[in-house]
C-alpha atoms as a PDB file:
ATOM      1  CA  MET A   1      -7.662  11.148   6.420  1.00  0.00           C
ATOM      2  CA  ASN A   2     -10.987   9.331   6.764  1.00  0.00           C
ATOM      3  CA  THR A   3     -10.171   5.650   6.339  1.00  0.00           C
ATOM      4  CA  GLU A   4     -13.489   4.357   7.709  1.00  0.00           C
ATOM      5  CA  LYS A   5     -15.325   4.996   4.440  1.00  0.00           C
ATOM      6  CA  ARG A   6     -12.750   3.554   2.107  1.00  0.00           C
ATOM      7  CA  LYS A   7     -11.034   0.238   1.618  1.00  0.00           C
ATOM      8  CA  ILE A   8      -7.311   0.307   0.923  1.00  0.00           C
ATOM      9  CA  ASN A   9      -6.182  -2.443  -1.449  1.00  0.00           C
ATOM     10  CA  LEU A  10      -2.830  -1.106  -2.619  1.00  0.00           C
ATOM     11  CA  VAL A  11       0.066   0.235  -0.540  1.00  0.00           C
ATOM     12  CA  ILE A  12       2.716   2.053  -2.597  1.00  0.00           C
ATOM     13  CA  PHE A  13       6.261   2.576  -1.346  1.00  0.00           C
ATOM     14  CA  ASP A  14       8.888   5.068  -2.398  1.00  0.00           C
ATOM     15  CA  VAL A  15      12.392   3.550  -2.393  1.00  0.00           C
ATOM     16  CA  ASP A  16      14.953   6.155  -1.360  1.00  0.00           C
ATOM     17  CA  GLY A  17      14.364   7.205   2.230  1.00  0.00           C
ATOM     18  CA  VAL A  18      11.513   4.732   2.744  1.00  0.00           C
ATOM     19  CA  ILE A  19      12.704   1.255   1.751  1.00  0.00           C
ATOM     20  CA  PHE A  20      16.087   2.159   3.178  1.00  0.00           C
ATOM     21  CA  ASP A  21      17.845   5.188   4.590  1.00  0.00           C
ATOM     22  CA  SER A  22      19.554   6.119   1.354  1.00  0.00           C
ATOM     23  CA  GLU A  23      19.645   9.895   1.382  1.00  0.00           C
ATOM     24  CA  PRO A  24      23.013  10.101   3.217  1.00  0.00           C
ATOM     25  CA  LEU A  25      24.369   7.658   0.623  1.00  0.00           C
ATOM     26  CA  HIS A  26      23.081   9.775  -2.249  1.00  0.00           C
ATOM     27  CA  TYR A  27      24.735  12.795  -0.668  1.00  0.00           C
ATOM     28  CA  ARG A  28      28.054  10.928  -0.346  1.00  0.00           C
ATOM     29  CA  ALA A  29      27.910   9.673  -3.925  1.00  0.00           C
ATOM     30  CA  LYS A  30      27.045  13.079  -5.371  1.00  0.00           C
ATOM     31  CA  LEU A  31      29.794  14.754  -3.375  1.00  0.00           C
ATOM     32  CA  GLU A  32      32.318  12.108  -4.452  1.00  0.00           C
ATOM     33  CA  ILE A  33      31.447  12.703  -8.097  1.00  0.00           C
ATOM     34  CA  LEU A  34      31.620  16.480  -7.743  1.00  0.00           C
ATOM     35  CA  GLN A  35      35.018  16.222  -6.078  1.00  0.00           C
ATOM     36  CA  SER A  36      36.290  13.944  -8.841  1.00  0.00           C
ATOM     37  CA  TYR A  37      35.810  16.908 -11.188  1.00  0.00           C
ATOM     38  CA  GLY A  38      37.542  19.258  -8.765  1.00  0.00           C
ATOM     39  CA  LEU A  39      34.249  20.805  -7.725  1.00  0.00           C
ATOM     40  CA  ASN A  40      33.320  21.643  -4.175  1.00  0.00           C
ATOM     41  CA  GLU A  41      29.738  21.471  -2.988  1.00  0.00           C
ATOM     42  CA  THR A  42      28.602  24.576  -4.798  1.00  0.00           C
ATOM     43  CA  PHE A  43      25.110  23.121  -5.107  1.00  0.00           C
ATOM     44  CA  ASN A  44      22.581  22.657  -2.324  1.00  0.00           C
ATOM     45  CA  LEU A  45      22.422  18.873  -2.600  1.00  0.00           C
ATOM     46  CA  LYS A  46      19.618  18.610  -0.035  1.00  0.00           C
ATOM     47  CA  GLU A  47      17.473  20.638  -2.412  1.00  0.00           C
ATOM     48  CA  TYR A  48      17.437  17.621  -4.735  1.00  0.00           C
ATOM     49  CA  VAL A  49      16.087  15.068  -2.236  1.00  0.00           C
ATOM     50  CA  GLY A  50      13.141  13.305  -3.874  1.00  0.00           C
ATOM     51  CA  LYS A  51      13.823  14.931  -7.237  1.00  0.00           C
ATOM     52  CA  PRO A  52      15.314  13.432 -10.420  1.00  0.00           C
ATOM     53  CA  ASN A  53      19.079  13.006 -10.143  1.00  0.00           C
ATOM     54  CA  ARG A  54      19.469  14.116 -13.734  1.00  0.00           C
ATOM     55  CA  ASP A  55      18.208  17.580 -12.816  1.00  0.00           C
ATOM     56  CA  LEU A  56      21.289  18.027 -10.645  1.00  0.00           C
ATOM     57  CA  TRP A  57      23.722  16.503 -13.128  1.00  0.00           C
ATOM     58  CA  THR A  58      22.310  18.505 -16.034  1.00  0.00           C
ATOM     59  CA  LYS A  59      22.902  21.682 -14.034  1.00  0.00           C
ATOM     60  CA  VAL A  60      26.403  20.611 -12.948  1.00  0.00           C
ATOM     61  CA  ILE A  61      27.447  19.760 -16.512  1.00  0.00           C
ATOM     62  CA  LYS A  62      26.028  22.958 -17.986  1.00  0.00           C
ATOM     63  CA  GLU A  63      27.462  25.327 -15.380  1.00  0.00           C
ATOM     64  CA  ASN A  64      30.923  23.726 -15.414  1.00  0.00           C
ATOM     65  CA  ASN A  65      31.139  22.760 -19.093  1.00  0.00           C
ATOM     66  CA  LEU A  66      31.940  19.146 -18.214  1.00  0.00           C
ATOM     67  CA  ASN A  67      32.625  16.494 -20.823  1.00  0.00           C
ATOM     68  CA  ALA A  68      29.938  14.162 -19.495  1.00  0.00           C
ATOM     69  CA  ASN A  69      26.238  13.485 -19.801  1.00  0.00           C
ATOM     70  CA  PRO A  70      23.574  13.367 -17.070  1.00  0.00           C
ATOM     71  CA  GLN A  71      22.784   9.678 -17.600  1.00  0.00           C
ATOM     72  CA  GLU A  72      26.444   8.739 -17.185  1.00  0.00           C
ATOM     73  CA  LEU A  73      26.783  10.645 -13.913  1.00  0.00           C
ATOM     74  CA  GLU A  74      23.474   9.309 -12.624  1.00  0.00           C
ATOM     75  CA  MET A  75      24.603   5.727 -13.263  1.00  0.00           C
ATOM     76  CA  ARG A  76      27.895   6.442 -11.557  1.00  0.00           C
ATOM     77  CA  GLN A  77      25.951   7.763  -8.573  1.00  0.00           C
ATOM     78  CA  PHE A  78      23.761   4.653  -8.430  1.00  0.00           C
ATOM     79  CA  ASN A  79      26.730   2.301  -8.630  1.00  0.00           C
ATOM     80  CA  LEU A  80      28.525   4.148  -5.846  1.00  0.00           C
ATOM     81  CA  ILE A  81      25.455   3.820  -3.618  1.00  0.00           C
ATOM     82  CA  LEU A  82      25.045   0.124  -4.368  1.00  0.00           C
ATOM     83  CA  GLY A  83      28.703  -0.324  -3.477  1.00  0.00           C
ATOM     84  CA  TYR A  84      28.196   1.444  -0.153  1.00  0.00           C
ATOM     85  CA  VAL A  85      25.170  -0.737   0.614  1.00  0.00           C
ATOM     86  CA  GLU A  86      27.002  -3.988  -0.038  1.00  0.00           C
ATOM     87  CA  LYS A  87      30.337  -3.040   1.515  1.00  0.00           C
ATOM     88  CA  GLU A  88      28.837  -1.477   4.641  1.00  0.00           C
ATOM     89  CA  LYS A  89      26.041  -4.064   4.966  1.00  0.00           C
ATOM     90  CA  ILE A  90      23.364  -1.402   5.105  1.00  0.00           C
ATOM     91  CA  GLN A  91      19.944  -2.752   6.056  1.00  0.00           C
ATOM     92  CA  PRO A  92      16.382  -1.889   5.017  1.00  0.00           C
ATOM     93  CA  THR A  93      14.362   0.478   7.171  1.00  0.00           C
ATOM     94  CA  LYS A  94      13.528  -0.973  10.573  1.00  0.00           C
ATOM     95  CA  GLY A  95      10.190  -2.759  10.550  1.00  0.00           C
ATOM     96  CA  LEU A  96       9.888  -2.857   6.756  1.00  0.00           C
ATOM     97  CA  GLU A  97      10.070  -6.608   6.247  1.00  0.00           C
ATOM     98  CA  LYS A  98       7.623  -7.249   9.083  1.00  0.00           C
ATOM     99  CA  LEU A  99       5.214  -4.730   7.565  1.00  0.00           C
ATOM    100  CA  LEU A 100       5.496  -6.267   4.091  1.00  0.00           C
ATOM    101  CA  THR A 101       4.892  -9.742   5.515  1.00  0.00           C
ATOM    102  CA  GLU A 102       1.758  -8.556   7.312  1.00  0.00           C
ATOM    103  CA  LEU A 103       0.471  -6.763   4.222  1.00  0.00           C
ATOM    104  CA  SER A 104       0.926  -9.937   2.197  1.00  0.00           C
ATOM    105  CA  LYS A 105      -0.845 -12.086   4.797  1.00  0.00           C
ATOM    106  CA  ASN A 106      -3.772  -9.676   4.757  1.00  0.00           C
ATOM    107  CA  ASN A 107      -4.014  -9.718   0.948  1.00  0.00           C
ATOM    108  CA  TYR A 108      -2.919  -6.154   0.264  1.00  0.00           C
ATOM    109  CA  ASP A 109      -1.247  -5.474  -3.055  1.00  0.00           C
ATOM    110  CA  THR A 110       2.042  -3.610  -2.797  1.00  0.00           C
ATOM    111  CA  ALA A 111       3.964  -1.502  -5.280  1.00  0.00           C
ATOM    112  CA  ILE A 112       7.156   0.459  -5.748  1.00  0.00           C
ATOM    113  CA  ALA A 113       7.038   4.007  -7.147  1.00  0.00           C
ATOM    114  CA  SER A 114      10.539   5.428  -7.556  1.00  0.00           C
ATOM    115  CA  SER A 115      12.119   8.209  -9.582  1.00  0.00           C
ATOM    116  CA  SER A 116      15.337   6.176  -9.689  1.00  0.00           C
ATOM    117  CA  ASN A 117      15.897   3.876 -12.654  1.00  0.00           C
ATOM    118  CA  ARG A 118      14.989   0.216 -13.067  1.00  0.00           C
ATOM    119  CA  TYR A 119      18.569  -1.016 -12.720  1.00  0.00           C
ATOM    120  CA  TYR A 120      19.084   0.702  -9.377  1.00  0.00           C
ATOM    121  CA  VAL A 121      15.689  -0.206  -7.907  1.00  0.00           C
ATOM    122  CA  SER A 122      16.007  -3.857  -8.942  1.00  0.00           C
ATOM    123  CA  ARG A 123      19.494  -4.098  -7.457  1.00  0.00           C
ATOM    124  CA  VAL A 124      18.359  -2.514  -4.181  1.00  0.00           C
ATOM    125  CA  LEU A 125      15.445  -4.932  -3.846  1.00  0.00           C
ATOM    126  CA  ASP A 126      17.654  -7.890  -4.755  1.00  0.00           C
ATOM    127  CA  ILE A 127      20.363  -6.953  -2.243  1.00  0.00           C
ATOM    128  CA  PHE A 128      17.756  -6.668   0.507  1.00  0.00           C
ATOM    129  CA  GLN A 129      15.922  -9.797  -0.732  1.00  0.00           C
ATOM    130  CA  LEU A 130      12.667  -7.851  -0.971  1.00  0.00           C
ATOM    131  CA  SER A 131      11.740  -8.323  -4.634  1.00  0.00           C
ATOM    132  CA  GLY A 132       9.178 -11.022  -3.896  1.00  0.00           C
ATOM    133  CA  TYR A 133       7.158  -8.751  -1.647  1.00  0.00           C
ATOM    134  CA  PHE A 134       6.062  -6.342  -4.377  1.00  0.00           C
ATOM    135  CA  ASP A 135       3.321  -6.966  -6.922  1.00  0.00           C
ATOM    136  CA  TYR A 136       4.067  -3.952  -9.109  1.00  0.00           C
ATOM    137  CA  SER A 137       6.839  -1.447  -9.643  1.00  0.00           C
ATOM    138  CA  VAL A 138       7.353   1.637 -11.764  1.00  0.00           C
ATOM    139  CA  THR A 139      10.639   3.511 -12.045  1.00  0.00           C
ATOM    140  CA  GLY A 140      11.671   6.911 -13.307  1.00  0.00           C
ATOM    141  CA  ASP A 141      13.057   5.702 -16.625  1.00  0.00           C
ATOM    142  CA  GLU A 142       9.683   4.169 -17.510  1.00  0.00           C
ATOM    143  CA  VAL A 143       7.697   7.418 -17.590  1.00  0.00           C
ATOM    144  CA  LYS A 144       8.021  10.746 -19.374  1.00  0.00           C
ATOM    145  CA  PHE A 145       8.165  12.877 -16.238  1.00  0.00           C
ATOM    146  CA  GLN A 146       9.491  11.909 -12.819  1.00  0.00           C
ATOM    147  CA  LYS A 147       8.358  13.132  -9.396  1.00  0.00           C
ATOM    148  CA  PRO A 148       6.949  15.637  -8.507  1.00  0.00           C
ATOM    149  CA  SER A 149       4.910  14.960 -11.664  1.00  0.00           C
ATOM    150  CA  PRO A 150       2.225  12.303 -11.104  1.00  0.00           C
ATOM    151  CA  ASP A 151       3.280  10.041 -14.003  1.00  0.00           C
ATOM    152  CA  ILE A 152       4.898   7.320 -11.874  1.00  0.00           C
ATOM    153  CA  TYR A 153       1.874   6.990  -9.617  1.00  0.00           C
ATOM    154  CA  GLN A 154      -0.542   7.125 -12.524  1.00  0.00           C
ATOM    155  CA  LYS A 155       1.303   4.238 -14.157  1.00  0.00           C
ATOM    156  CA  VAL A 156       1.210   2.212 -10.925  1.00  0.00           C
ATOM    157  CA  LEU A 157      -2.566   2.630 -10.851  1.00  0.00           C
ATOM    158  CA  SER A 158      -2.811   1.724 -14.529  1.00  0.00           C
ATOM    159  CA  ILE A 159      -0.834  -1.515 -14.320  1.00  0.00           C
ATOM    160  CA  SER A 160      -2.437  -2.591 -11.045  1.00  0.00           C
ATOM    161  CA  GLY A 161      -5.983  -1.858 -12.142  1.00  0.00           C
ATOM    162  CA  ILE A 162      -6.686  -0.540  -8.649  1.00  0.00           C
ATOM    163  CA  PRO A 163      -8.545   2.790  -8.401  1.00  0.00           C
ATOM    164  CA  LYS A 164      -6.822   5.737  -6.778  1.00  0.00           C
ATOM    165  CA  ASP A 165      -9.345   5.818  -3.931  1.00  0.00           C
ATOM    166  CA  SER A 166      -8.207   2.334  -2.907  1.00  0.00           C
ATOM    167  CA  ALA A 167      -4.500   3.171  -2.844  1.00  0.00           C
ATOM    168  CA  ILE A 168      -2.215   4.843  -0.341  1.00  0.00           C
ATOM    169  CA  ALA A 169       1.385   6.011  -0.775  1.00  0.00           C
ATOM    170  CA  ILE A 170       4.284   6.269   1.670  1.00  0.00           C
ATOM    171  CA  GLU A 171       6.728   9.073   0.905  1.00  0.00           C
ATOM    172  CA  ASP A 172       9.511  10.837   2.789  1.00  0.00           C
ATOM    173  CA  SER A 173       9.884  13.922   0.584  1.00  0.00           C
ATOM    174  CA  THR A 174       7.848  16.929  -0.476  1.00  0.00           C
ATOM    175  CA  SER A 175       8.437  16.038  -4.124  1.00  0.00           C
ATOM    176  CA  GLY A 176       7.173  12.487  -3.665  1.00  0.00           C
ATOM    177  CA  LEU A 177       4.093  13.590  -1.752  1.00  0.00           C
ATOM    178  CA  ARG A 178       3.287  16.125  -4.451  1.00  0.00           C
ATOM    179  CA  ALA A 179       3.478  13.387  -7.091  1.00  0.00           C
ATOM    180  CA  ALA A 180       1.080  11.129  -5.205  1.00  0.00           C
ATOM    181  CA  VAL A 181      -1.362  13.928  -4.396  1.00  0.00           C
ATOM    182  CA  SER A 182      -1.349  15.041  -8.040  1.00  0.00           C
ATOM    183  CA  ALA A 183      -2.341  11.488  -8.977  1.00  0.00           C
ATOM    184  CA  GLY A 184      -5.234  11.642  -6.509  1.00  0.00           C
ATOM    185  CA  ILE A 185      -3.694   9.172  -4.065  1.00  0.00           C
ATOM    186  CA  SER A 186      -3.826   9.610  -0.298  1.00  0.00           C
ATOM    187  CA  CYS A 187      -0.387   9.871   1.281  1.00  0.00           C
ATOM    188  CA  ILE A 188       1.392   9.018   4.469  1.00  0.00           C
ATOM    189  CA  GLY A 189       4.471  11.100   5.167  1.00  0.00           C
ATOM    190  CA  TYR A 190       7.324   9.100   6.657  1.00  0.00           C
ATOM    191  CA  ARG A 191       9.458  11.353   8.814  1.00  0.00           C
ATOM    192  CA  ASN A 192      12.993  10.297   7.948  1.00  0.00           C
ATOM    193  CA  PRO A 193      15.369  12.621   9.827  1.00  0.00           C
ATOM    194  CA  THR A 194      18.137  12.159   7.240  1.00  0.00           C
ATOM    195  CA  SER A 195      15.994  13.194   4.271  1.00  0.00           C
ATOM    196  CA  GLY A 196      16.811  16.868   4.584  1.00  0.00           C
ATOM    197  CA  ASN A 197      14.080  18.120   6.937  1.00  0.00           C
ATOM    198  CA  GLN A 198      11.397  17.671   4.297  1.00  0.00           C
ATOM    199  CA  ASP A 199       8.124  19.573   4.554  1.00  0.00           C
ATOM    200  CA  LEU A 200       5.452  16.868   4.694  1.00  0.00           C
ATOM    201  CA  PHE A 201       2.518  19.289   4.726  1.00  0.00           C
ATOM    202  CA  LEU A 202       0.793  17.465   1.854  1.00  0.00           C
ATOM    203  CA  ALA A 203       0.552  14.205   3.802  1.00  0.00           C
ATOM    204  CA  ASP A 204      -2.780  13.037   5.205  1.00  0.00           C
ATOM    205  CA  ALA A 205      -0.859  11.756   8.217  1.00  0.00           C
ATOM    206  CA  ILE A 206       2.762  11.605   9.338  1.00  0.00           C
ATOM    207  CA  ILE A 207       4.450   8.546  10.828  1.00  0.00           C
ATOM    208  CA  GLN A 208       7.778   8.110  12.590  1.00  0.00           C
ATOM    209  CA  GLU A 209       7.996   4.331  12.058  1.00  0.00           C
ATOM    210  CA  LEU A 210       6.833   2.263   9.088  1.00  0.00           C
ATOM    211  CA  GLY A 211       4.763  -0.055  11.268  1.00  0.00           C
ATOM    212  CA  GLN A 212       2.441   2.857  12.027  1.00  0.00           C
ATOM    213  CA  ILE A 213       1.058   2.646   8.492  1.00  0.00           C
ATOM    214  CA  LYS A 214      -1.242  -0.109   9.783  1.00  0.00           C
ATOM    215  CA  ASP A 215      -3.268   2.560  11.584  1.00  0.00           C
ATOM    216  CA  TYR A 216      -4.280   4.061   8.242  1.00  0.00           C
ATOM    217  CA  ILE A 217      -5.231   1.067   6.098  1.00  0.00           C
END
């Protein structure tokens, strides 16, 4: 990625797997819900990393003729995860708060772009006391199509008024990277080892720690 010829004004963060290491928690919550219906892990849960939760629950309900709806199971999943976070005192990704502080001091705008819903994202940011660091946020229930469609990123650009050439996204999943690329936004792939060995081939660069993003803005 050639950053010498462009000025980055907006840094966009995914939530799950970037703001905090949530993918193991999503796996636990999904498995707990499946088991509550007497179902074993007949689905490849890692296949759904970075994708809408409702895709999984729609499939589960249809194939097992469950008396439930996808939104209900998704909310149950979110509440289980929030419970894990609070009970187990799970922390944000190492270096995140320092990075956000430095971005703020250097007058970068920051945004959240998540396929999860507003309730979940707001609760996560509140628990971690990070809400004040972000200028904009768009969640999956506020657009027609979630990642890997570009809608979430397109809406971030729209509400921020910042052109796509002046934005950069941080994603840990193939689905998230595809969404950003489809919106014309340069991407940094964050290599989170618990995110299911994601293929980050669409990323302009790959980082192992969030602080490394400073090399690309």
